[in-house]
Amino acid sequence: MNFAAIKHESLLLFRQPVARNKVRFRLLTARDDLSECRMIYWKRSEPERRWTQPLMLRAQDQTSAEWLAEVTRSEEIHYLKYFFFLKNRQGGEAYYCEHGFSEREPQTGFFELLQVNPGDVPCPPEWARGLVYYQIFPERFCRSGLRPNRHPLDDWNARPTRENYLGGDLAGIRQKLPYLQELGAECLYLTPIFAADFNHKYATTDYFAIDPDFGTEDELTALVQEAHSRGIRILLDGVFNHSGVHFAPFQDMLAQGEASRYRDWFFPKRFPIAMDAACYECVGDYPYMPRLNTGNPEVQDFVLSVMRYWIQRCGVDGWRMDVADELDTACVQFLRRRLKAEFPQALLLGETWGDAARMLCGGDQFDSVMNYLFRDCMVDYFAHGSIDERQLDERLQHMRMKYPEETCQYLYNCLSSHDTARFLTEARGEKWRLKLALAFQMLYPGCPALYYGEEIGMEGENDPGCRGGMAWERQDEELLGWVKRLIRFRRQHEAVRRGAYRTLLADPDKKLFAFERRTDGETITVIFNSGDQPQDFAAEAGTIPAHAVKIIPS
């Protein structure tokens, strides 16, 4: 038995509350080591009444295995003592408690769960479980023609740059709501729309004003109201990790130097301040985006006031928070506590490019994150073909092991974004690769997220190439139909939207990858053939053509 790999700790990551009376206990072991694992538990005040709960294998990556036991009580779980019985594949047995490992059942040193507090239970809004996102870069989505141009506009199909403007606006998005409804989008994530420098609007100058390039507060309200009438929700992009250099408090620090009342809103390195990254901390070391000191209570109150304002005034459904993994943790906890007390159904989605366990597993920060780890798997397997089926499975399992099962159903699973090359470009223009990746995205646990134009075959290198004008007149109708059918299937089948996941096959020789989505009333089997030859999977599936996916409902 590989004792060094066995791990259980008194942390929320290992004792995951589903409700106050239901907790999943988590144990990590070496891959393919144990054949059996049981949890023996009892209430501190009733030591004579003991229960045994088997742990089930949930996932395995290259080196580790994750085992789970779900304990449900009629009352809130408290003062629960427990230890584990382990048996390996060679028949070796051991007990595991706080003191470590022993050959005999331990008499002291038990693990203990004292309380499940209400704040320990993750409570993302139910409406956000398994929904379909659609990301819009407003400047490049649709030009309404309803307002004067503040900048010289390039032709809509011009090559995108970091400096040019195409004229997309909020009224243009509203005009296209019928298209988005027919597509099946359930939540629009808009990149920043507040007054800001540059076409991307990530250098905010006024958090309480819609950028004149995009419209007015009334137009945002009209967009939100019509979207809601069509069953579509709206997330705004909150750029709170940094501001633009023309943000009034930063301008005050530039002018007043050390005497500025806003000096503690930022991270000055030396005075006098010049427009230079050597003088103050910046996001990405870009001097035009100075970092806000989100550990400052004044800044926290300011950010909360911005978030409250737009929910109250325009009815938006939540926030995607930019560079969320660089925000002060206490700030995020403060914002969640205060915002959720007033707007419990508001969604908080954080941007991160890696492991988000610290942002998700405490129940006190974000409801979900942008799951770029998923995108990395899809690009490496479907677009580049740089990993095989076994490696794909190991990486997906490794990703899933980072988060509780419920949390996985809320993750924002994208193939592309405004910060990456478009997937079809990553795939060298081979459409079959995009089609299979879209199918995987739509059928895998979580929330599939389309980047505008992905459904019609848009291409583009990384920023700024990925930010071209929406190709309204150059649509791949066959691909668009494919995406619509996938979304329709997803919305019709509860097993796909929120069912359990299990890998059935990961065969590098045949180039077959198969998984199952299951609820009590339904099972969906999905088989991918990424190879260039037809392959047989099972009698009920028949032959899977090359470069194809087959979906088998129960």
Protein backbone atom coordinates (compact mmCIF):
# COMPACT_ATOMS: atom_id res chain seq x y z
CA MET A 1 0.00 0.00 0.00
CA ASN A 2 1.36 3.39 -1.00
CA PHE A 3 0.94 5.19 2.33
CA ALA A 4 2.78 8.29 1.13
CA ALA A 5 0.06 8.99 -1.44
CA ILE A 6 -2.89 8.66 0.96
CA LYS A 7 -4.26 12.00 2.07
CA HIS A 8 -7.25 13.35 3.96
CA GLU A 9 -7.27 16.67 5.82
CA SER A 10 -9.69 18.67 7.96
CA LEU A 11 -10.32 21.18 5.17
CA LEU A 12 -13.37 22.00 3.06
CA LEU A 13 -11.51 20.60 0.07
CA PHE A 14 -11.65 17.15 1.72
CA ARG A 15 -15.01 17.55 3.48
CA GLN A 16 -17.26 19.06 0.86
CA PRO A 17 -20.69 20.20 2.15
CA VAL A 18 -23.59 19.71 -0.24
CA ALA A 19 -26.05 20.86 2.44
CA ARG A 20 -25.79 21.25 6.20
CA ASN A 21 -26.92 17.63 6.58
CA LYS A 22 -24.99 16.20 3.62
CA VAL A 23 -21.19 16.07 3.25
CA ARG A 24 -18.90 14.35 0.76
CA PHE A 25 -15.74 13.02 2.41
CA ARG A 26 -12.77 12.86 0.07
CA LEU A 27 -9.68 10.65 0.20
CA LEU A 28 -6.73 10.74 -2.17
CA THR A 29 -4.64 7.64 -2.86
CA ALA A 30 -2.17 6.40 -5.45
CA ARG A 31 -3.64 5.39 -8.79
CA ASP A 32 -4.67 1.72 -8.99
CA ASP A 33 -3.59 1.09 -5.40
CA LEU A 34 -6.73 0.40 -3.38
CA SER A 35 -9.40 -2.17 -4.08
CA GLU A 36 -11.63 -1.14 -1.19
CA CYS A 37 -12.07 1.87 1.05
CA ARG A 38 -14.61 2.38 3.84
CA MET A 39 -15.37 5.20 6.24
CA ILE A 40 -16.44 4.29 9.79
CA TYR A 41 -18.20 7.17 11.53
CA TRP A 42 -20.35 8.06 14.54
CA LYS A 43 -21.58 11.03 16.49
CA ARG A 44 -19.40 12.08 19.40
CA SER A 45 -22.30 11.78 21.87
CA GLU A 46 -23.28 8.28 20.60
CA PRO A 47 -20.03 6.30 20.33
CA GLU A 48 -21.88 2.99 20.56
CA ARG A 49 -23.79 3.69 17.29
CA ARG A 50 -21.38 3.38 14.38
CA TRP A 51 -22.04 3.40 10.66
CA THR A 52 -19.94 2.24 7.73
CA GLN A 53 -19.98 4.02 4.39
CA PRO A 54 -18.06 2.67 1.35
CA LEU A 55 -16.05 5.19 -0.65
CA MET A 56 -16.51 5.12 -4.40
CA LEU A 57 -13.79 5.86 -6.93
CA ARG A 58 -14.65 9.15 -8.65
CA ALA A 59 -11.57 9.91 -10.78
CA GLN A 60 -7.96 8.93 -11.50
CA ASP A 61 -5.24 10.98 -13.14
CA GLN A 62 -1.66 9.95 -13.98
CA THR A 63 -0.65 9.31 -10.38
CA SER A 64 -3.60 9.76 -8.04
CA ALA A 65 -7.07 8.41 -7.37
CA GLU A 66 -9.94 10.23 -5.69
CA TRP A 67 -12.42 8.36 -3.48
CA LEU A 68 -15.67 9.83 -2.15
CA ALA A 69 -18.19 8.88 0.53
CA GLU A 70 -21.42 10.83 0.86
CA VAL A 71 -22.86 11.02 4.36
CA THR A 72 -26.41 12.27 4.87
CA ARG A 73 -28.04 12.75 8.27
CA SER A 74 -31.56 13.76 9.31
CA GLU A 75 -30.13 16.76 11.20
CA GLU A 76 -27.23 19.09 10.52
CA ILE A 77 -23.93 17.21 10.64
CA HIS A 78 -21.92 18.06 13.74
CA TYR A 79 -19.41 16.39 16.08
CA LEU A 80 -18.93 13.55 13.62
CA LYS A 81 -15.93 11.33 14.38
CA TYR A 82 -14.51 8.98 11.76
CA PHE A 83 -11.58 6.97 10.40
CA PHE A 84 -10.92 4.95 7.25
CA PHE A 85 -10.41 1.27 6.50
CA LEU A 86 -8.19 0.64 3.45
CA LYS A 87 -7.46 -2.49 1.43
CA ASN A 88 -5.06 -2.65 -1.50
CA ARG A 89 -5.12 -4.89 -4.55
CA GLN A 90 -2.67 -7.32 -2.99
CA GLY A 91 -4.93 -7.86 0.03
CA GLY A 92 -3.01 -5.64 2.46
CA GLU A 93 -5.17 -3.85 5.03
CA ALA A 94 -4.70 -0.71 7.12
CA TYR A 95 -6.61 1.86 9.14
CA TYR A 96 -6.12 5.59 8.70
CA CYS A 97 -6.82 8.36 11.23
CA GLU A 98 -5.28 11.67 12.39
CA HIS A 99 -2.37 9.74 13.93
CA GLY A 100 -1.56 8.05 10.64
CA PHE A 101 -1.76 4.37 9.70
CA SER A 102 -2.15 1.25 11.84
CA GLU A 103 -2.80 -2.47 11.45
CA ARG A 104 -5.53 -2.40 14.10
CA GLU A 105 -8.62 -0.26 14.41
CA PRO A 106 -7.60 3.03 16.07
CA GLN A 107 -8.80 3.83 19.59
CA THR A 108 -7.81 7.52 19.55
CA GLY A 109 -6.82 10.18 17.04
CA PHE A 110 -10.03 10.13 15.04
CA PHE A 111 -10.83 12.68 12.41
CA GLU A 112 -13.70 14.93 13.52
CA LEU A 113 -16.05 17.25 11.70
CA LEU A 114 -17.30 19.72 14.30
CA GLN A 115 -19.89 21.73 12.39
CA VAL A 116 -21.21 22.39 8.92
CA ASN A 117 -21.91 26.10 9.00
CA PRO A 118 -24.30 27.68 6.48
CA GLY A 119 -21.43 29.64 4.95
CA ASP A 120 -19.54 26.40 4.23
CA VAL A 121 -22.19 25.24 1.75
CA PRO A 122 -21.61 26.55 -1.80
CA CYS A 123 -24.74 28.29 -3.04
CA PRO A 124 -24.34 29.31 -6.69
CA PRO A 125 -27.65 30.32 -8.29
CA GLU A 126 -29.46 27.30 -9.62
CA TRP A 127 -30.17 29.05 -12.91
CA ALA A 128 -26.45 28.98 -13.71
CA ARG A 129 -26.05 25.19 -13.49
CA GLY A 130 -25.15 23.77 -16.89
CA LEU A 131 -26.32 26.78 -18.91
CA VAL A 132 -24.96 27.81 -22.33
CA TYR A 133 -22.87 31.00 -22.36
CA TYR A 134 -22.19 33.26 -25.31
CA GLN A 135 -19.31 35.75 -25.01
CA ILE A 136 -19.58 39.07 -26.87
CA PHE A 137 -16.87 41.65 -27.51
CA PRO A 138 -19.32 44.57 -27.95
CA GLU A 139 -17.15 46.70 -30.23
CA ARG A 140 -17.00 43.87 -32.77
CA PHE A 141 -20.41 42.18 -32.58
CA CYS A 142 -22.93 44.39 -34.39
CA ARG A 143 -23.04 48.04 -35.46
CA SER A 144 -26.58 49.39 -35.03
CA GLY A 145 -26.02 52.62 -36.97
CA LEU A 146 -28.10 54.50 -34.39
CA ARG A 147 -25.40 56.84 -33.03
CA PRO A 148 -22.77 59.24 -34.34
CA ASN A 149 -19.30 57.78 -34.65
CA ARG A 150 -16.79 59.08 -32.09
CA HIS A 151 -13.88 57.51 -33.99
CA PRO A 152 -13.08 56.92 -37.63
CA LEU A 153 -14.51 53.47 -38.32
CA ASP A 154 -12.81 50.83 -40.42
CA ASP A 155 -14.76 48.59 -42.75
CA TRP A 156 -16.60 45.95 -40.69
CA ASN A 157 -14.52 43.17 -42.26
CA ALA A 158 -11.21 44.97 -41.76
CA ARG A 159 -8.31 43.19 -40.10
CA PRO A 160 -8.66 43.78 -36.33
CA THR A 161 -5.93 45.74 -34.58
CA ARG A 162 -5.49 47.07 -31.05
CA GLU A 163 -6.20 50.58 -32.30
CA ASN A 164 -8.98 50.40 -34.89
CA TYR A 165 -12.72 50.75 -34.29
CA LEU A 166 -15.55 48.96 -36.07
CA GLY A 167 -18.49 50.54 -34.25
CA GLY A 168 -20.31 47.70 -32.48
CA ASP A 169 -22.67 48.85 -29.72
CA LEU A 170 -25.36 47.79 -27.24
CA ALA A 171 -28.20 48.56 -29.64
CA GLY A 172 -26.51 46.25 -32.15
CA ILE A 173 -26.47 43.42 -29.60
CA ARG A 174 -30.14 44.04 -28.93
CA GLN A 175 -30.92 43.82 -32.65
CA LYS A 176 -29.31 40.37 -32.71
CA LEU A 177 -31.17 38.91 -29.71
CA PRO A 178 -33.48 36.87 -32.01
CA TYR A 179 -30.39 35.25 -33.53
CA LEU A 180 -28.95 34.49 -30.08
CA GLN A 181 -32.27 33.08 -28.87
CA GLU A 182 -32.56 30.82 -31.91
CA LEU A 183 -28.99 29.67 -31.38
CA GLY A 184 -29.85 28.63 -27.83
CA ALA A 185 -27.68 31.04 -25.84
CA GLU A 186 -28.83 31.30 -22.24
CA CYS A 187 -26.42 33.87 -20.81
CA LEU A 188 -24.47 36.64 -22.56
CA TYR A 189 -21.12 37.62 -21.09
CA LEU A 190 -20.22 41.10 -22.35
CA THR A 191 -16.62 42.27 -22.15
CA PRO A 192 -16.38 45.75 -20.55
CA ILE A 193 -18.95 48.36 -21.54
CA PHE A 194 -18.03 51.18 -19.13
CA ALA A 195 -16.28 54.41 -20.10
CA ALA A 196 -12.68 53.47 -20.81
CA ASP A 197 -9.63 54.00 -22.97
CA PHE A 198 -8.95 51.77 -26.00
CA ASN A 199 -11.32 49.66 -28.06
CA HIS A 200 -11.25 46.77 -25.59
CA LYS A 201 -12.40 48.99 -22.66
CA TYR A 202 -10.29 47.23 -20.05
CA ALA A 203 -8.73 50.53 -18.95
CA THR A 204 -11.75 51.96 -17.13
CA THR A 205 -12.11 55.72 -16.63
CA ASP A 206 -15.65 55.86 -15.17
CA TYR A 207 -17.31 52.81 -13.64
CA PHE A 208 -20.68 54.55 -13.40
CA ALA A 209 -21.05 55.47 -17.08
CA ILE A 210 -21.63 53.40 -20.21
CA ASP A 211 -18.92 54.15 -22.75
CA PRO A 212 -20.36 56.57 -25.36
CA ASP A 213 -19.06 54.21 -28.06
CA PHE A 214 -21.62 51.67 -26.87
CA GLY A 215 -24.64 53.72 -25.87
CA THR A 216 -26.42 54.80 -22.73
CA GLU A 217 -27.67 53.41 -19.46
CA ASP A 218 -31.18 53.32 -20.90
CA GLU A 219 -29.94 51.21 -23.82
CA LEU A 220 -28.33 48.75 -21.43
CA THR A 221 -31.61 48.52 -19.50
CA ALA A 222 -33.52 47.93 -22.73
CA LEU A 223 -31.04 45.23 -23.75
CA VAL A 224 -31.33 43.46 -20.39
CA GLN A 225 -35.12 43.63 -20.36
CA GLU A 226 -35.51 42.24 -23.87
CA ALA A 227 -32.89 39.55 -23.23
CA HIS A 228 -34.80 38.50 -20.11
CA SER A 229 -38.03 38.34 -22.07
CA ARG A 230 -36.29 35.86 -24.39
CA GLY A 231 -34.94 33.74 -21.51
CA ILE A 232 -31.38 35.13 -21.80
CA ARG A 233 -29.39 36.51 -18.87
CA ILE A 234 -26.63 39.14 -18.95
CA LEU A 235 -23.24 39.20 -17.18
CA LEU A 236 -21.12 42.35 -17.15
CA ASP A 237 -17.32 42.40 -17.00
CA GLY A 238 -16.05 43.95 -13.77
CA VAL A 239 -12.53 45.31 -14.20
CA PHE A 240 -11.74 45.83 -10.52
CA ASN A 241 -8.19 44.55 -10.33
CA HIS A 242 -7.03 47.67 -12.13
CA SER A 243 -8.30 50.87 -13.69
CA GLY A 244 -7.24 53.05 -16.58
CA VAL A 245 -4.79 55.92 -16.12
CA HIS A 246 -7.60 58.42 -16.76
CA PHE A 247 -9.64 57.12 -13.81
CA ALA A 248 -10.20 60.18 -11.60
CA PRO A 249 -8.52 58.80 -8.42
CA PHE A 250 -5.40 57.87 -10.40
CA GLN A 251 -5.33 61.30 -12.01
CA ASP A 252 -5.53 62.80 -8.52
CA MET A 253 -2.50 60.77 -7.45
CA LEU A 254 -0.64 61.91 -10.56
CA ALA A 255 -1.41 65.52 -9.71
CA GLN A 256 -1.10 65.47 -5.91
CA GLY A 257 1.60 62.85 -5.46
CA GLU A 258 2.12 61.71 -1.87
CA ALA A 259 -0.51 64.20 -0.69
CA SER A 260 -3.28 62.55 -2.74
CA ARG A 261 -6.10 61.09 -0.69
CA TYR A 262 -6.14 58.26 -3.25
CA ARG A 263 -2.52 57.18 -2.93
CA ASP A 264 -3.60 54.09 -0.98
CA TRP A 265 -6.04 53.14 -3.74
CA PHE A 266 -3.03 52.08 -5.81
CA PHE A 267 0.47 50.66 -5.34
CA PRO A 268 2.88 53.56 -5.94
CA LYS A 269 6.54 52.60 -5.92
CA ARG A 270 8.06 56.08 -5.92
CA PHE A 271 7.15 59.75 -6.18
CA PRO A 272 6.68 61.83 -8.17
CA ILE A 273 4.49 59.58 -10.29
CA ALA A 274 5.04 59.44 -14.02
CA MET A 275 3.20 57.32 -16.59
CA ASP A 276 5.70 54.51 -16.18
CA ALA A 277 5.38 50.97 -14.83
CA ALA A 278 8.47 51.66 -12.72
CA CYS A 279 6.39 54.15 -10.69
CA TYR A 280 3.40 51.96 -9.79
CA GLU A 281 2.18 48.38 -10.00
CA CYS A 282 0.26 47.53 -13.17
CA VAL A 283 -1.66 44.55 -14.47
CA GLY A 284 0.53 42.66 -16.91
CA ASP A 285 3.12 45.46 -16.43
CA TYR A 286 1.07 47.66 -18.81
CA PRO A 287 1.54 51.26 -17.59
CA TYR A 288 -1.92 52.32 -18.78
CA MET A 289 -3.61 49.81 -16.40
CA PRO A 290 -2.54 50.64 -12.80
CA ARG A 291 -3.46 48.03 -10.19
CA LEU A 292 -6.12 48.95 -7.66
CA ASN A 293 -5.38 48.14 -4.04
CA THR A 294 -8.35 45.85 -3.44
CA GLY A 295 -7.13 45.23 0.11
CA ASN A 296 -8.09 48.84 0.92
CA PRO A 297 -11.56 49.03 2.54
CA GLU A 298 -12.31 52.24 0.62
CA VAL A 299 -11.63 50.47 -2.66
CA GLN A 300 -13.75 47.51 -1.56
CA ASP A 301 -16.67 49.83 -0.77
CA PHE A 302 -16.23 51.55 -4.13
CA VAL A 303 -16.26 48.25 -6.03
CA LEU A 304 -19.34 47.08 -4.13
CA SER A 305 -21.12 50.33 -5.00
CA VAL A 306 -20.37 49.74 -8.70
CA MET A 307 -21.66 46.17 -8.63
CA ARG A 308 -24.81 47.14 -6.75
CA TYR A 309 -25.49 50.11 -9.03
CA TRP A 310 -25.70 48.15 -12.26
CA ILE A 311 -27.72 45.30 -10.77
CA GLN A 312 -30.20 47.73 -9.25
CA ARG A 313 -30.43 50.18 -12.14
CA CYS A 314 -30.35 47.87 -15.13
CA GLY A 315 -31.18 44.42 -13.77
CA VAL A 316 -28.01 42.62 -14.89
CA ASP A 317 -27.66 39.07 -13.59
CA GLY A 318 -24.12 39.09 -12.28
CA TRP A 319 -20.48 39.79 -12.89
CA ARG A 320 -17.53 38.22 -14.61
CA MET A 321 -14.56 39.58 -12.68
CA ASP A 322 -11.43 40.29 -14.66
CA VAL A 323 -8.04 39.00 -13.41
CA ALA A 324 -9.96 37.56 -10.47
CA ASP A 325 -7.06 35.46 -9.22
CA GLU A 326 -5.04 38.64 -8.54
CA LEU A 327 -7.77 40.30 -6.43
CA ASP A 328 -7.25 40.47 -2.69
CA THR A 329 -8.98 37.40 -1.22
CA ALA A 330 -10.52 39.39 1.62
CA CYS A 331 -11.98 41.78 -0.97
CA VAL A 332 -13.67 38.97 -2.88
CA GLN A 333 -15.06 37.51 0.34
CA PHE A 334 -16.39 40.95 1.35
CA LEU A 335 -17.98 41.55 -2.05
CA ARG A 336 -19.64 38.13 -2.08
CA ARG A 337 -20.99 38.45 1.44
CA ARG A 338 -22.43 41.91 0.89
CA LEU A 339 -23.70 41.37 -2.66
CA LYS A 340 -25.28 37.97 -2.03
CA ALA A 341 -27.08 39.30 1.05
CA GLU A 342 -28.91 41.73 -1.22
CA PHE A 343 -28.93 39.82 -4.52
CA PRO A 344 -28.68 36.09 -3.74
CA GLN A 345 -29.33 35.13 -7.38
CA ALA A 346 -26.47 37.24 -8.75
CA LEU A 347 -23.70 35.14 -10.33
CA LEU A 348 -20.01 35.75 -9.60
CA LEU A 349 -17.73 34.32 -12.31
CA GLY A 350 -13.98 34.74 -11.89
CA GLU A 351 -11.27 34.82 -14.52
CA THR A 352 -8.34 32.50 -13.93
CA TRP A 353 -6.14 30.45 -16.25
CA GLY A 354 -5.16 27.68 -13.86
CA ASP A 355 -6.18 25.80 -10.73
CA ALA A 356 -9.08 27.67 -9.11
CA ALA A 357 -9.55 25.49 -6.03
CA ARG A 358 -8.76 28.33 -3.62
CA MET A 359 -11.34 30.53 -5.40
CA LEU A 360 -14.14 27.93 -5.39
CA CYS A 361 -13.84 25.36 -2.64
CA GLY A 362 -14.47 27.57 0.39
CA GLY A 363 -17.96 28.66 -0.63
CA ASP A 364 -17.02 32.26 0.20
CA GLN A 365 -15.65 33.64 -3.08
CA PHE A 366 -16.83 32.77 -6.60
CA ASP A 367 -19.70 30.69 -7.94
CA SER A 368 -17.71 29.64 -10.99
CA VAL A 369 -14.55 30.40 -12.96
CA MET A 370 -13.46 30.50 -16.57
CA ASN A 371 -12.13 26.99 -17.05
CA TYR A 372 -9.12 27.49 -19.31
CA LEU A 373 -7.81 24.10 -18.15
CA PHE A 374 -10.67 22.59 -20.13
CA ARG A 375 -9.78 24.71 -23.16
CA ASP A 376 -6.16 23.55 -22.93
CA CYS A 377 -7.31 19.92 -23.08
CA MET A 378 -9.57 20.57 -26.08
CA VAL A 379 -6.86 22.45 -27.99
CA ASP A 380 -4.19 19.84 -27.30
CA TYR A 381 -6.41 16.87 -28.17
CA PHE A 382 -8.78 18.02 -30.90
CA ALA A 383 -7.01 21.02 -32.46
CA HIS A 384 -3.34 20.02 -32.26
CA GLY A 385 -3.52 16.25 -31.78
CA SER A 386 -0.57 16.58 -29.40
CA ILE A 387 -2.02 14.28 -26.72
CA ASP A 388 -3.70 10.90 -27.11
CA GLU A 389 -6.95 9.57 -25.66
CA ARG A 390 -5.36 8.24 -22.49
CA GLN A 391 -3.62 11.54 -21.81
CA LEU A 392 -6.84 13.41 -22.49
CA ASP A 393 -8.65 11.31 -19.92
CA GLU A 394 -5.89 11.74 -17.33
CA ARG A 395 -5.89 15.51 -17.76
CA LEU A 396 -9.67 15.79 -17.59
CA GLN A 397 -9.75 13.60 -14.49
CA HIS A 398 -6.97 15.67 -12.92
CA MET A 399 -9.03 18.79 -13.60
CA ARG A 400 -12.21 17.29 -12.12
CA MET A 401 -10.39 16.21 -8.97
CA LYS A 402 -9.71 19.86 -8.15
CA TYR A 403 -13.37 20.68 -7.52
CA PRO A 404 -16.52 19.18 -5.97
CA GLU A 405 -18.91 17.55 -8.40
CA GLU A 406 -21.53 20.31 -8.07
CA THR A 407 -18.90 22.97 -8.74
CA CYS A 408 -17.88 21.21 -11.96
CA GLN A 409 -21.43 21.69 -13.24
CA TYR A 410 -21.01 25.48 -13.07
CA LEU A 411 -17.58 25.84 -14.69
CA TYR A 412 -17.32 28.12 -17.74
CA ASN A 413 -15.94 25.70 -20.35
CA CYS A 414 -14.67 27.67 -23.33
CA LEU A 415 -12.81 26.76 -26.52
CA SER A 416 -11.79 30.33 -27.34
CA SER A 417 -12.02 33.82 -25.87
CA HIS A 418 -10.96 37.40 -26.59
CA ASP A 419 -7.60 36.52 -25.01
CA THR A 420 -6.78 33.43 -27.12
CA ALA A 421 -6.48 32.39 -30.71
CA ARG A 422 -9.78 31.13 -32.07
CA PHE A 423 -10.18 27.35 -31.94
CA LEU A 424 -10.54 26.92 -35.69
CA THR A 425 -7.25 28.76 -36.17
CA GLU A 426 -5.62 26.49 -33.58
CA ALA A 427 -7.01 23.59 -35.64
CA ARG A 428 -5.37 24.93 -38.84
CA GLY A 429 -8.80 25.49 -40.37
CA GLU A 430 -9.83 21.81 -40.21
CA LYS A 431 -13.53 22.11 -39.44
CA TRP A 432 -14.01 18.52 -38.29
CA ARG A 433 -11.72 19.23 -35.36
CA LEU A 434 -13.86 22.19 -34.30
CA LYS A 435 -17.06 20.17 -34.73
CA LEU A 436 -15.81 17.39 -32.47
CA ALA A 437 -14.54 19.88 -29.89
CA LEU A 438 -17.92 21.65 -29.89
CA ALA A 439 -19.67 18.32 -29.39
CA PHE A 440 -17.37 17.44 -26.51
CA GLN A 441 -17.90 20.89 -24.97
CA MET A 442 -21.68 20.66 -25.24
CA LEU A 443 -21.90 17.12 -23.81
CA TYR A 444 -19.28 17.36 -21.03
CA PRO A 445 -20.19 18.47 -17.47
CA GLY A 446 -20.22 22.20 -16.94
CA CYS A 447 -21.33 25.25 -18.89
CA PRO A 448 -20.31 25.35 -22.57
CA ALA A 449 -19.23 28.86 -23.54
CA LEU A 450 -19.22 30.01 -27.16
CA TYR A 451 -17.05 32.94 -28.18
CA TYR A 452 -18.95 35.08 -30.68
CA GLY A 453 -18.57 33.75 -34.21
CA GLU A 454 -17.29 30.35 -33.13
CA GLU A 455 -20.61 28.85 -34.21
CA ILE A 456 -20.16 30.16 -37.78
CA GLY A 457 -16.50 29.26 -38.30
CA MET A 458 -14.68 32.53 -37.55
CA GLU A 459 -10.90 32.33 -37.38
CA GLY A 460 -8.25 34.61 -35.90
CA GLU A 461 -4.88 34.55 -34.22
CA ASN A 462 -4.44 35.66 -30.62
CA ASP A 463 -5.31 39.23 -29.57
CA PRO A 464 -6.01 41.26 -31.62
CA GLY A 465 -6.63 38.73 -34.40
CA CYS A 466 -9.35 36.94 -32.45
CA ARG A 467 -11.38 40.16 -32.17
CA GLY A 468 -12.63 40.59 -35.73
CA GLY A 469 -16.05 41.90 -36.65
CA MET A 470 -18.77 39.24 -36.35
CA ALA A 471 -19.04 37.59 -39.78
CA TRP A 472 -22.75 38.17 -40.32
CA GLU A 473 -22.41 37.83 -44.10
CA ARG A 474 -19.88 34.97 -44.18
CA GLN A 475 -21.51 32.29 -42.06
CA ASP A 476 -20.85 28.58 -42.28
CA GLU A 477 -24.47 27.44 -42.22
CA GLU A 478 -23.59 23.76 -41.84
CA LEU A 479 -21.50 24.50 -38.73
CA LEU A 480 -24.19 26.81 -37.36
CA GLY A 481 -26.76 24.04 -37.75
CA TRP A 482 -24.41 21.63 -35.96
CA VAL A 483 -24.13 23.95 -32.96
CA LYS A 484 -27.87 24.55 -32.82
CA ARG A 485 -28.56 20.81 -32.81
CA LEU A 486 -26.02 20.23 -30.04
CA ILE A 487 -27.48 22.98 -27.86
CA ARG A 488 -31.01 21.72 -28.50
CA PHE A 489 -29.96 18.19 -27.52
CA ARG A 490 -28.27 19.50 -24.39
CA ARG A 491 -31.33 21.43 -23.31
CA GLN A 492 -33.61 18.45 -23.94
CA HIS A 493 -31.61 15.96 -21.85
CA GLU A 494 -31.22 16.36 -18.11
CA ALA A 495 -28.42 13.78 -18.09
CA VAL A 496 -26.31 16.09 -20.26
CA ARG A 497 -27.17 19.27 -18.42
CA ARG A 498 -26.50 18.00 -14.90
CA GLY A 499 -25.88 14.25 -14.91
CA ALA A 500 -22.90 12.37 -13.49
CA TYR A 501 -19.88 11.69 -15.71
CA ARG A 502 -17.91 8.49 -16.31
CA THR A 503 -15.21 7.73 -18.87
CA LEU A 504 -16.00 4.49 -20.71
CA LEU A 505 -13.05 4.19 -23.07
CA ALA A 506 -9.81 6.03 -23.81
CA ASP A 507 -8.12 3.97 -26.55
CA PRO A 508 -5.08 5.52 -28.28
CA ASP A 509 -4.80 2.61 -30.72
CA LYS A 510 -8.31 3.03 -32.11
CA LYS A 511 -8.46 6.80 -31.53
CA LEU A 512 -11.71 6.28 -29.63
CA PHE A 513 -12.83 8.23 -26.59
CA ALA A 514 -16.19 7.47 -24.97
CA PHE A 515 -17.98 8.74 -21.91
CA GLU A 516 -21.32 8.44 -20.20
CA ARG A 517 -23.65 11.05 -18.69
CA ARG A 518 -26.21 9.62 -16.30
CA THR A 519 -29.14 10.56 -14.10
CA ASP A 520 -31.50 8.15 -12.35
CA GLY A 521 -33.84 8.26 -15.31
CA GLU A 522 -31.52 8.57 -18.29
CA THR A 523 -28.12 7.54 -19.65
CA ILE A 524 -26.37 9.20 -22.60
CA THR A 525 -23.39 7.47 -24.20
CA VAL A 526 -21.03 9.58 -26.33
CA ILE A 527 -18.29 8.11 -28.58
CA PHE A 528 -15.66 10.17 -30.40
CA ASN A 529 -13.57 8.80 -33.26
CA SER A 530 -10.74 11.26 -33.89
CA GLY A 531 -8.93 8.89 -36.23
CA ASP A 532 -9.05 8.74 -40.02
CA GLN A 533 -10.54 5.21 -40.11
CA PRO A 534 -14.01 3.95 -39.10
CA GLN A 535 -13.99 2.08 -35.78
CA ASP A 536 -16.31 -0.28 -33.95
CA PHE A 537 -17.26 0.53 -30.36
CA ALA A 538 -20.13 -1.73 -29.29
CA ALA A 539 -23.00 -3.55 -30.94
CA GLU A 540 -25.55 -0.88 -30.05
CA ALA A 541 -23.28 1.89 -31.38
CA GLY A 542 -22.29 0.19 -34.61
CA THR A 543 -19.41 1.60 -36.60
CA ILE A 544 -18.22 5.14 -35.78
CA PRO A 545 -17.11 6.95 -38.97
CA ALA A 546 -13.75 8.69 -39.08
CA HIS A 547 -13.65 12.17 -37.54
CA ALA A 548 -17.12 11.71 -36.07
CA VAL A 549 -19.10 11.55 -32.85
CA LYS A 550 -22.03 9.27 -32.07
CA ILE A 551 -24.53 10.01 -29.31
CA ILE A 552 -26.68 7.17 -27.93
CA PRO A 553 -29.54 8.14 -25.59
CA SER A 554 -30.98 5.47 -23.32
